[in-house]
Each structure stands twice: as C-alpha cells, then as structure tokens.
PDB file of N, CA and C in Angstrom:
ATOM      1  N   MET A   1       3.327 -16.142  -5.199  1.00  0.00           N
ATOM      2  CA  MET A   1       2.216 -15.291  -4.834  1.00  0.00           C
ATOM      3  C   MET A   1       2.670 -14.350  -3.723  1.00  0.00           C
ATOM      4  N   THR A   2       2.223 -13.151  -3.818  1.00  0.00           N
ATOM      5  CA  THR A   2       2.532 -12.153  -2.799  1.00  0.00           C
ATOM      6  C   THR A   2       1.292 -11.298  -2.565  1.00  0.00           C
ATOM      7  N   TYR A   3       1.246 -10.644  -1.450  1.00  0.00           N
ATOM      8  CA  TYR A   3       0.141  -9.766  -1.127  1.00  0.00           C
ATOM      9  C   TYR A   3       0.585  -8.324  -1.299  1.00  0.00           C
ATOM     10  N   PRO A   4      -0.343  -7.396  -1.527  1.00  0.00           N
ATOM     11  CA  PRO A   4       0.032  -5.990  -1.717  1.00  0.00           C
ATOM     12  C   PRO A   4       0.953  -5.488  -0.608  1.00  0.00           C
ATOM     13  N   GLY A   5       2.003  -4.822  -1.017  1.00  0.00           N
ATOM     14  CA  GLY A   5       2.949  -4.246  -0.070  1.00  0.00           C
ATOM     15  C   GLY A   5       4.092  -5.162   0.307  1.00  0.00           C
ATOM     16  N   GLU A   6       4.008  -6.452  -0.006  1.00  0.00           N
ATOM     17  CA  GLU A   6       5.113  -7.367   0.284  1.00  0.00           C
ATOM     18  C   GLU A   6       6.187  -7.223  -0.779  1.00  0.00           C
ATOM     19  N   ARG A   7       7.418  -7.445  -0.394  1.00  0.00           N
ATOM     20  CA  ARG A   7       8.550  -7.313  -1.309  1.00  0.00           C
ATOM     21  C   ARG A   7       8.840  -8.649  -1.982  1.00  0.00           C
ATOM     22  N   ILE A   8       9.113  -8.583  -3.276  1.00  0.00           N
ATOM     23  CA  ILE A   8       9.534  -9.738  -4.066  1.00  0.00           C
ATOM     24  C   ILE A   8      11.002  -9.500  -4.409  1.00  0.00           C
ATOM     25  N   ALA A   9      11.856 -10.479  -4.208  1.00  0.00           N
ATOM     26  CA  ALA A   9      13.285 -10.311  -4.507  1.00  0.00           C
ATOM     27  C   ALA A   9      13.752 -11.417  -5.449  1.00  0.00           C
ATOM     28  N   LEU A  10      14.562 -11.014  -6.423  1.00  0.00           N
ATOM     29  CA  LEU A  10      15.185 -11.938  -7.363  1.00  0.00           C
ATOM     30  C   LEU A  10      16.671 -11.646  -7.380  1.00  0.00           C
ATOM     31  N   ALA A  11      17.479 -12.668  -7.554  1.00  0.00           N
ATOM     32  CA  ALA A  11      18.929 -12.457  -7.625  1.00  0.00           C
ATOM     33  C   ALA A  11      19.508 -13.400  -8.670  1.00  0.00           C
ATOM     34  N   GLY A  12      20.613 -12.993  -9.236  1.00  0.00           N
ATOM     35  CA  GLY A  12      21.266 -13.824 -10.238  1.00  0.00           C
ATOM     36  C   GLY A  12      22.585 -13.219 -10.662  1.00  0.00           C
ATOM     37  N   GLU A  13      23.006 -13.605 -11.857  1.00  0.00           N
ATOM     38  CA  GLU A  13      24.269 -13.127 -12.401  1.00  0.00           C
ATOM     39  C   GLU A  13      24.067 -12.788 -13.868  1.00  0.00           C
ATOM     40  N   HIS A  14      24.668 -11.699 -14.304  1.00  0.00           N
ATOM     41  CA  HIS A  14      24.584 -11.275 -15.703  1.00  0.00           C
ATOM     42  C   HIS A  14      25.945 -10.746 -16.110  1.00  0.00           C
ATOM     43  N   GLY A  15      26.502 -11.296 -17.164  1.00  0.00           N
ATOM     44  CA  GLY A  15      27.819 -10.856 -17.620  1.00  0.00           C
ATOM     45  C   GLY A  15      28.897 -11.080 -16.574  1.00  0.00           C
ATOM     46  N   GLY A  16      28.737 -12.120 -15.760  1.00  0.00           N
ATOM     47  CA  GLY A  16      29.724 -12.422 -14.726  1.00  0.00           C
ATOM     48  C   GLY A  16      29.614 -11.567 -13.478  1.00  0.00           C
ATOM     49  N   LYS A  17      28.573 -10.735 -13.409  1.00  0.00           N
ATOM     50  CA  LYS A  17      28.397  -9.858 -12.252  1.00  0.00           C
ATOM     51  C   LYS A  17      27.092 -10.178 -11.540  1.00  0.00           C
ATOM     52  N   PRO A  18      27.120 -10.256 -10.195  1.00  0.00           N
ATOM     53  CA  PRO A  18      25.881 -10.527  -9.462  1.00  0.00           C
ATOM     54  C   PRO A  18      24.963  -9.310  -9.471  1.00  0.00           C
ATOM     55  N   TRP A  19      23.663  -9.566  -9.414  1.00  0.00           N
ATOM     56  CA  TRP A  19      22.665  -8.510  -9.349  1.00  0.00           C
ATOM     57  C   TRP A  19      21.533  -8.948  -8.442  1.00  0.00           C
ATOM     58  N   ARG A  20      20.734  -7.997  -8.021  1.00  0.00           N
ATOM     59  CA  ARG A  20      19.553  -8.263  -7.191  1.00  0.00           C
ATOM     60  C   ARG A  20      18.475  -7.261  -7.578  1.00  0.00           C
ATOM     61  N   MET A  21      17.250  -7.752  -7.710  1.00  0.00           N
ATOM     62  CA  MET A  21      16.109  -6.896  -8.007  1.00  0.00           C
ATOM     63  C   MET A  21      15.064  -7.110  -6.924  1.00  0.00           C
ATOM     64  N   GLU A  22      14.500  -6.020  -6.438  1.00  0.00           N
ATOM     65  CA  GLU A  22      13.429  -6.082  -5.448  1.00  0.00           C
ATOM     66  C   GLU A  22      12.255  -5.266  -5.965  1.00  0.00           C
ATOM     67  N   PHE A  23      11.056  -5.802  -5.776  1.00  0.00           N
ATOM     68  CA  PHE A  23       9.852  -5.128  -6.234  1.00  0.00           C
ATOM     69  C   PHE A  23       8.804  -5.131  -5.136  1.00  0.00           C
ATOM     70  N   THR A  24       8.085  -4.032  -5.010  1.00  0.00           N
ATOM     71  CA  THR A  24       6.943  -3.952  -4.120  1.00  0.00           C
ATOM     72  C   THR A  24       5.755  -3.530  -4.981  1.00  0.00           C
ATOM     73  N   ILE A  25       4.674  -4.310  -4.912  1.00  0.00           N
ATOM     74  CA  ILE A  25       3.511  -4.065  -5.758  1.00  0.00           C
ATOM     75  C   ILE A  25       2.368  -3.529  -4.907  1.00  0.00           C
ATOM     76  N   GLN A  26       1.784  -2.445  -5.383  1.00  0.00           N
ATOM     77  CA  GLN A  26       0.635  -1.825  -4.696  1.00  0.00           C
ATOM     78  C   GLN A  26      -0.488  -1.612  -5.701  1.00  0.00           C
ATOM     79  N   ARG A  27      -1.701  -1.745  -5.250  1.00  0.00           N
ATOM     80  CA  ARG A  27      -2.854  -1.409  -6.093  1.00  0.00           C
ATOM     81  C   ARG A  27      -2.903   0.101  -6.181  1.00  0.00           C
ATOM     82  N   SER A  28      -3.030   0.635  -7.371  1.00  0.00           N
ATOM     83  CA  SER A  28      -3.056   2.081  -7.561  1.00  0.00           C
ATOM     84  C   SER A  28      -4.497   2.573  -7.501  1.00  0.00           C
ATOM     85  N   SER A  29      -5.223   2.376  -8.562  1.00  0.00           N
ATOM     86  CA  SER A  29      -6.643   2.729  -8.582  1.00  0.00           C
ATOM     87  C   SER A  29      -7.322   1.862  -9.628  1.00  0.00           C
ATOM     88  N   GLY A  30      -8.543   1.477  -9.371  1.00  0.00           N
ATOM     89  CA  GLY A  30      -9.262   0.631 -10.317  1.00  0.00           C
ATOM     90  C   GLY A  30      -8.482  -0.630 -10.631  1.00  0.00           C
ATOM     91  N   GLU A  31      -8.129  -0.806 -11.881  1.00  0.00           N
ATOM     92  CA  GLU A  31      -7.379  -1.978 -12.328  1.00  0.00           C
ATOM     93  C   GLU A  31      -5.883  -1.690 -12.475  1.00  0.00           C
ATOM     94  N   SER A  32      -5.413  -0.557 -11.955  1.00  0.00           N
ATOM     95  CA  SER A  32      -4.011  -0.175 -12.089  1.00  0.00           C
ATOM     96  C   SER A  32      -3.181  -0.640 -10.898  1.00  0.00           C
ATOM     97  N   VAL A  33      -1.924  -0.982 -11.182  1.00  0.00           N
ATOM     98  CA  VAL A  33      -0.977  -1.351 -10.135  1.00  0.00           C
ATOM     99  C   VAL A  33       0.292  -0.521 -10.307  1.00  0.00           C
ATOM    100  N   ARG A  34       0.973  -0.304  -9.201  1.00  0.00           N
ATOM    101  CA  ARG A  34       2.243   0.420  -9.192  1.00  0.00           C
ATOM    102  C   ARG A  34       3.301  -0.548  -8.670  1.00  0.00           C
ATOM    103  N   VAL A  35       4.408  -0.657  -9.395  1.00  0.00           N
ATOM    104  CA  VAL A  35       5.510  -1.530  -9.013  1.00  0.00           C
ATOM    105  C   VAL A  35       6.720  -0.646  -8.727  1.00  0.00           C
ATOM    106  N   ASP A  36       7.135  -0.602  -7.459  1.00  0.00           N
ATOM    107  CA  ASP A  36       8.338   0.137  -7.069  1.00  0.00           C
ATOM    108  C   ASP A  36       9.496  -0.851  -7.067  1.00  0.00           C
ATOM    109  N   GLY A  37      10.542  -0.531  -7.811  1.00  0.00           N
ATOM    110  CA  GLY A  37      11.658  -1.458  -7.930  1.00  0.00           C
ATOM    111  C   GLY A  37      12.967  -0.895  -7.416  1.00  0.00           C
ATOM    112  N   LYS A  38      13.894  -1.805  -7.172  1.00  0.00           N
ATOM    113  CA  LYS A  38      15.263  -1.436  -6.823  1.00  0.00           C
ATOM    114  C   LYS A  38      16.167  -2.477  -7.458  1.00  0.00           C
ATOM    115  N   ILE A  39      17.114  -2.019  -8.251  1.00  0.00           N
ATOM    116  CA  ILE A  39      18.070  -2.904  -8.898  1.00  0.00           C
ATOM    117  C   ILE A  39      19.437  -2.565  -8.348  1.00  0.00           C
ATOM    118  N   SER A  40      20.115  -3.575  -7.833  1.00  0.00           N
ATOM    119  CA  SER A  40      21.429  -3.330  -7.233  1.00  0.00           C
ATOM    120  C   SER A  40      22.448  -4.351  -7.721  1.00  0.00           C
ATOM    121  N   SER A  41      23.712  -3.995  -7.576  1.00  0.00           N
ATOM    122  CA  SER A  41      24.811  -4.869  -7.966  1.00  0.00           C
ATOM    123  C   SER A  41      25.482  -5.398  -6.713  1.00  0.00           C
ATOM    124  N   SER A  42      26.581  -6.090  -6.919  1.00  0.00           N
ATOM    125  CA  SER A  42      27.321  -6.596  -5.768  1.00  0.00           C
ATOM    126  C   SER A  42      27.707  -5.434  -4.866  1.00  0.00           C
ATOM    127  N   GLY A  43      27.721  -5.661  -3.582  1.00  0.00           N
ATOM    128  CA  GLY A  43      28.013  -4.594  -2.651  1.00  0.00           C
ATOM    129  C   GLY A  43      26.803  -3.734  -2.359  1.00  0.00           C
ATOM    130  N   ASP A  44      25.645  -4.143  -2.874  1.00  0.00           N
ATOM    131  CA  ASP A  44      24.381  -3.445  -2.642  1.00  0.00           C
ATOM    132  C   ASP A  44      24.374  -2.009  -3.161  1.00  0.00           C
ATOM    133  N   THR A  45      25.108  -1.764  -4.241  1.00  0.00           N
ATOM    134  CA  THR A  45      25.098  -0.462  -4.893  1.00  0.00           C
ATOM    135  C   THR A  45      23.837  -0.351  -5.740  1.00  0.00           C
ATOM    136  N   THR A  46      22.980   0.634  -5.461  1.00  0.00           N
ATOM    137  CA  THR A  46      21.746   0.802  -6.223  1.00  0.00           C
ATOM    138  C   THR A  46      22.077   1.334  -7.613  1.00  0.00           C
ATOM    139  N   LEU A  47      21.640   0.585  -8.626  1.00  0.00           N
ATOM    140  CA  LEU A  47      21.863   0.983 -10.014  1.00  0.00           C
ATOM    141  C   LEU A  47      20.665   1.742 -10.578  1.00  0.00           C
ATOM    142  N   ALA A  48      19.474   1.364 -10.121  1.00  0.00           N
ATOM    143  CA  ALA A  48      18.251   2.019 -10.599  1.00  0.00           C
ATOM    144  C   ALA A  48      17.134   1.770  -9.605  1.00  0.00           C
ATOM    145  N   ALA A  49      16.159   2.659  -9.615  1.00  0.00           N
ATOM    146  CA  ALA A  49      14.969   2.521  -8.766  1.00  0.00           C
ATOM    147  C   ALA A  49      13.743   2.846  -9.613  1.00  0.00           C
ATOM    148  N   PRO A  50      13.393   1.936 -10.551  1.00  0.00           N
ATOM    149  CA  PRO A  50      12.276   2.224 -11.450  1.00  0.00           C
ATOM    150  C   PRO A  50      10.928   2.154 -10.742  1.00  0.00           C
ATOM    151  N   VAL A  51       9.998   2.941 -11.246  1.00  0.00           N
ATOM    152  CA  VAL A  51       8.608   2.878 -10.816  1.00  0.00           C
ATOM    153  C   VAL A  51       7.807   2.573 -12.079  1.00  0.00           C
ATOM    154  N   LEU A  52       7.128   1.442 -12.078  1.00  0.00           N
ATOM    155  CA  LEU A  52       6.362   1.010 -13.238  1.00  0.00           C
ATOM    156  C   LEU A  52       4.883   1.035 -12.885  1.00  0.00           C
ATOM    157  N   VAL A  53       4.062   1.448 -13.834  1.00  0.00           N
ATOM    158  CA  VAL A  53       2.618   1.482 -13.632  1.00  0.00           C
ATOM    159  C   VAL A  53       1.990   0.708 -14.781  1.00  0.00           C
ATOM    160  N   GLY A  54       1.032  -0.145 -14.441  1.00  0.00           N
ATOM    161  CA  GLY A  54       0.366  -0.938 -15.469  1.00  0.00           C
ATOM    162  C   GLY A  54      -0.991  -1.388 -14.993  1.00  0.00           C
ATOM    163  N   SER A  55      -1.611  -2.232 -15.805  1.00  0.00           N
ATOM    164  CA  SER A  55      -2.944  -2.742 -15.499  1.00  0.00           C
ATOM    165  C   SER A  55      -2.864  -4.193 -15.055  1.00  0.00           C
ATOM    166  N   LEU A  56      -3.769  -4.578 -14.165  1.00  0.00           N
ATOM    167  CA  LEU A  56      -3.847  -5.982 -13.760  1.00  0.00           C
ATOM    168  C   LEU A  56      -4.008  -6.858 -14.986  1.00  0.00           C
ATOM    169  N   GLY A  57      -3.275  -7.955 -15.027  1.00  0.00           N
ATOM    170  CA  GLY A  57      -3.381  -8.907 -16.127  1.00  0.00           C
ATOM    171  C   GLY A  57      -2.612  -8.528 -17.375  1.00  0.00           C
ATOM    172  N   GLN A  58      -1.989  -7.368 -17.389  1.00  0.00           N
ATOM    173  CA  GLN A  58      -1.211  -6.918 -18.548  1.00  0.00           C
ATOM    174  C   GLN A  58       0.291  -6.989 -18.237  1.00  0.00           C
ATOM    175  N   ARG A  59       1.088  -7.175 -19.243  1.00  0.00           N
ATOM    176  CA  ARG A  59       2.542  -7.270 -19.099  1.00  0.00           C
ATOM    177  C   ARG A  59       3.120  -5.921 -18.689  1.00  0.00           C
ATOM    178  N   ILE A  60       3.985  -5.943 -17.661  1.00  0.00           N
ATOM    179  CA  ILE A  60       4.732  -4.763 -17.227  1.00  0.00           C
ATOM    180  C   ILE A  60       6.200  -5.134 -17.406  1.00  0.00           C
ATOM    181  N   ALA A  61       6.951  -4.322 -18.126  1.00  0.00           N
ATOM    182  CA  ALA A  61       8.321  -4.703 -18.447  1.00  0.00           C
ATOM    183  C   ALA A  61       9.288  -3.535 -18.318  1.00  0.00           C
ATOM    184  N   MET A  62      10.562  -3.878 -18.143  1.00  0.00           N
ATOM    185  CA  MET A  62      11.640  -2.894 -18.132  1.00  0.00           C
ATOM    186  C   MET A  62      12.908  -3.547 -18.641  1.00  0.00           C
ATOM    187  N   ARG A  63      13.848  -2.715 -19.074  1.00  0.00           N
ATOM    188  CA  ARG A  63      15.134  -3.200 -19.563  1.00  0.00           C
ATOM    189  C   ARG A  63      16.204  -2.287 -19.002  1.00  0.00           C
ATOM    190  N   THR A  64      17.250  -2.875 -18.404  1.00  0.00           N
ATOM    191  CA  THR A  64      18.342  -2.072 -17.879  1.00  0.00           C
ATOM    192  C   THR A  64      19.300  -1.708 -19.007  1.00  0.00           C
ATOM    193  N   SER A  65      20.162  -0.741 -18.764  1.00  0.00           N
ATOM    194  CA  SER A  65      21.087  -0.276 -19.798  1.00  0.00           C
ATOM    195  C   SER A  65      22.078  -1.357 -20.236  1.00  0.00           C
ATOM    196  N   ASP A  66      22.345  -2.356 -19.368  1.00  0.00           N
ATOM    197  CA  ASP A  66      23.271  -3.407 -19.772  1.00  0.00           C
ATOM    198  C   ASP A  66      22.553  -4.658 -20.283  1.00  0.00           C
ATOM    199  N   GLY A  67      21.268  -4.522 -20.619  1.00  0.00           N
ATOM    200  CA  GLY A  67      20.563  -5.580 -21.316  1.00  0.00           C
ATOM    201  C   GLY A  67      19.809  -6.591 -20.475  1.00  0.00           C
ATOM    202  N   VAL A  68      19.581  -6.323 -19.208  1.00  0.00           N
ATOM    203  CA  VAL A  68      18.775  -7.232 -18.392  1.00  0.00           C
ATOM    204  C   VAL A  68      17.311  -6.874 -18.610  1.00  0.00           C
ATOM    205  N   ASN A  69      16.519  -7.853 -19.020  1.00  0.00           N
ATOM    206  CA  ASN A  69      15.091  -7.650 -19.260  1.00  0.00           C
ATOM    207  C   ASN A  69      14.292  -8.270 -18.126  1.00  0.00           C
ATOM    208  N   VAL A  70      13.296  -7.554 -17.647  1.00  0.00           N
ATOM    209  CA  VAL A  70      12.408  -8.049 -16.607  1.00  0.00           C
ATOM    210  C   VAL A  70      10.985  -7.780 -17.057  1.00  0.00           C
ATOM    211  N   ALA A  71      10.148  -8.802 -16.981  1.00  0.00           N
ATOM    212  CA  ALA A  71       8.734  -8.642 -17.333  1.00  0.00           C
ATOM    213  C   ALA A  71       7.908  -9.408 -16.316  1.00  0.00           C
ATOM    214  N   MET A  72       6.740  -8.881 -16.004  1.00  0.00           N
ATOM    215  CA  MET A  72       5.841  -9.557 -15.064  1.00  0.00           C
ATOM    216  C   MET A  72       4.409  -9.255 -15.443  1.00  0.00           C
ATOM    217  N   ILE A  73       3.545 -10.148 -15.021  1.00  0.00           N
ATOM    218  CA  ILE A  73       2.108  -9.936 -15.150  1.00  0.00           C
ATOM    219  C   ILE A  73       1.552 -10.006 -13.744  1.00  0.00           C
ATOM    220  N   VAL A  74       0.914  -8.950 -13.303  1.00  0.00           N
ATOM    221  CA  VAL A  74       0.343  -8.887 -11.969  1.00  0.00           C
ATOM    222  C   VAL A  74      -1.127  -9.275 -12.067  1.00  0.00           C
ATOM    223  N   LYS A  75      -1.480 -10.319 -11.324  1.00  0.00           N
ATOM    224  CA  LYS A  75      -2.870 -10.788 -11.313  1.00  0.00           C
ATOM    225  C   LYS A  75      -3.410 -10.723  -9.901  1.00  0.00           C
ATOM    226  N   GLU A  76      -4.686 -10.500  -9.804  1.00  0.00           N
ATOM    227  CA  GLU A  76      -5.343 -10.504  -8.503  1.00  0.00           C
ATOM    228  C   GLU A  76      -5.934 -11.894  -8.274  1.00  0.00           C
ATOM    229  N   ILE A  77      -5.608 -12.478  -7.121  1.00  0.00           N
ATOM    230  CA  ILE A  77      -6.100 -13.802  -6.778  1.00  0.00           C
ATOM    231  C   ILE A  77      -6.939 -13.680  -5.523  1.00  0.00           C
ATOM    232  N   ALA A  78      -8.121 -14.247  -5.559  1.00  0.00           N
ATOM    233  CA  ALA A  78      -8.992 -14.199  -4.366  1.00  0.00           C
ATOM    234  C   ALA A  78      -8.348 -14.985  -3.237  1.00  0.00           C
ATOM    235  N   ARG A  79      -8.443 -14.440  -2.042  1.00  0.00           N
ATOM    236  CA  ARG A  79      -7.861 -15.118  -0.868  1.00  0.00           C
ATOM    237  C   ARG A  79      -8.765 -16.204  -0.380  1.00  0.00           C
TER     238      ARG A  79
END
C-alpha cells in the first residue's frame, strides 16, 4: 500500500542483467490516475520514463523493448 505521491520501487534481474523500476502514482481527475515511471539498468542508466494514465480499479500495463512486462491495478483504500 502506498499513498499518493509516494514512490514504489521494484528491482530484479532479466536476461542476466539487473534492472530497477520506480513508480509514483497521483490522482489525476475523477477516477483517473497518472503513473510516472522510471526504468533503469545497472549503473542507474535510465532506459525509459513512461507516463501511464488509467482508471482506478482497471489494469495499467507496459512492456519494455526487451520483453519485461509490468502490470498494476491501482485501488483507492479508505484510510
């Protein structure tokens, strides 16, 4: 669980190479959310900086050129 504006980070290895993904989720308008991402490789070289827009409760997905798939569902949880 994260709150709007907090960064979510994931790291792993794909094809023998380390990677890191960071996402910041913001409420856009109504039921829309904006996900600002950063995908980097070893040495912190930025490979991509996707901006994804979707609806709360709906799947938001992306695929990198080397076949890494990322999907998330953003839900609003009462505090």
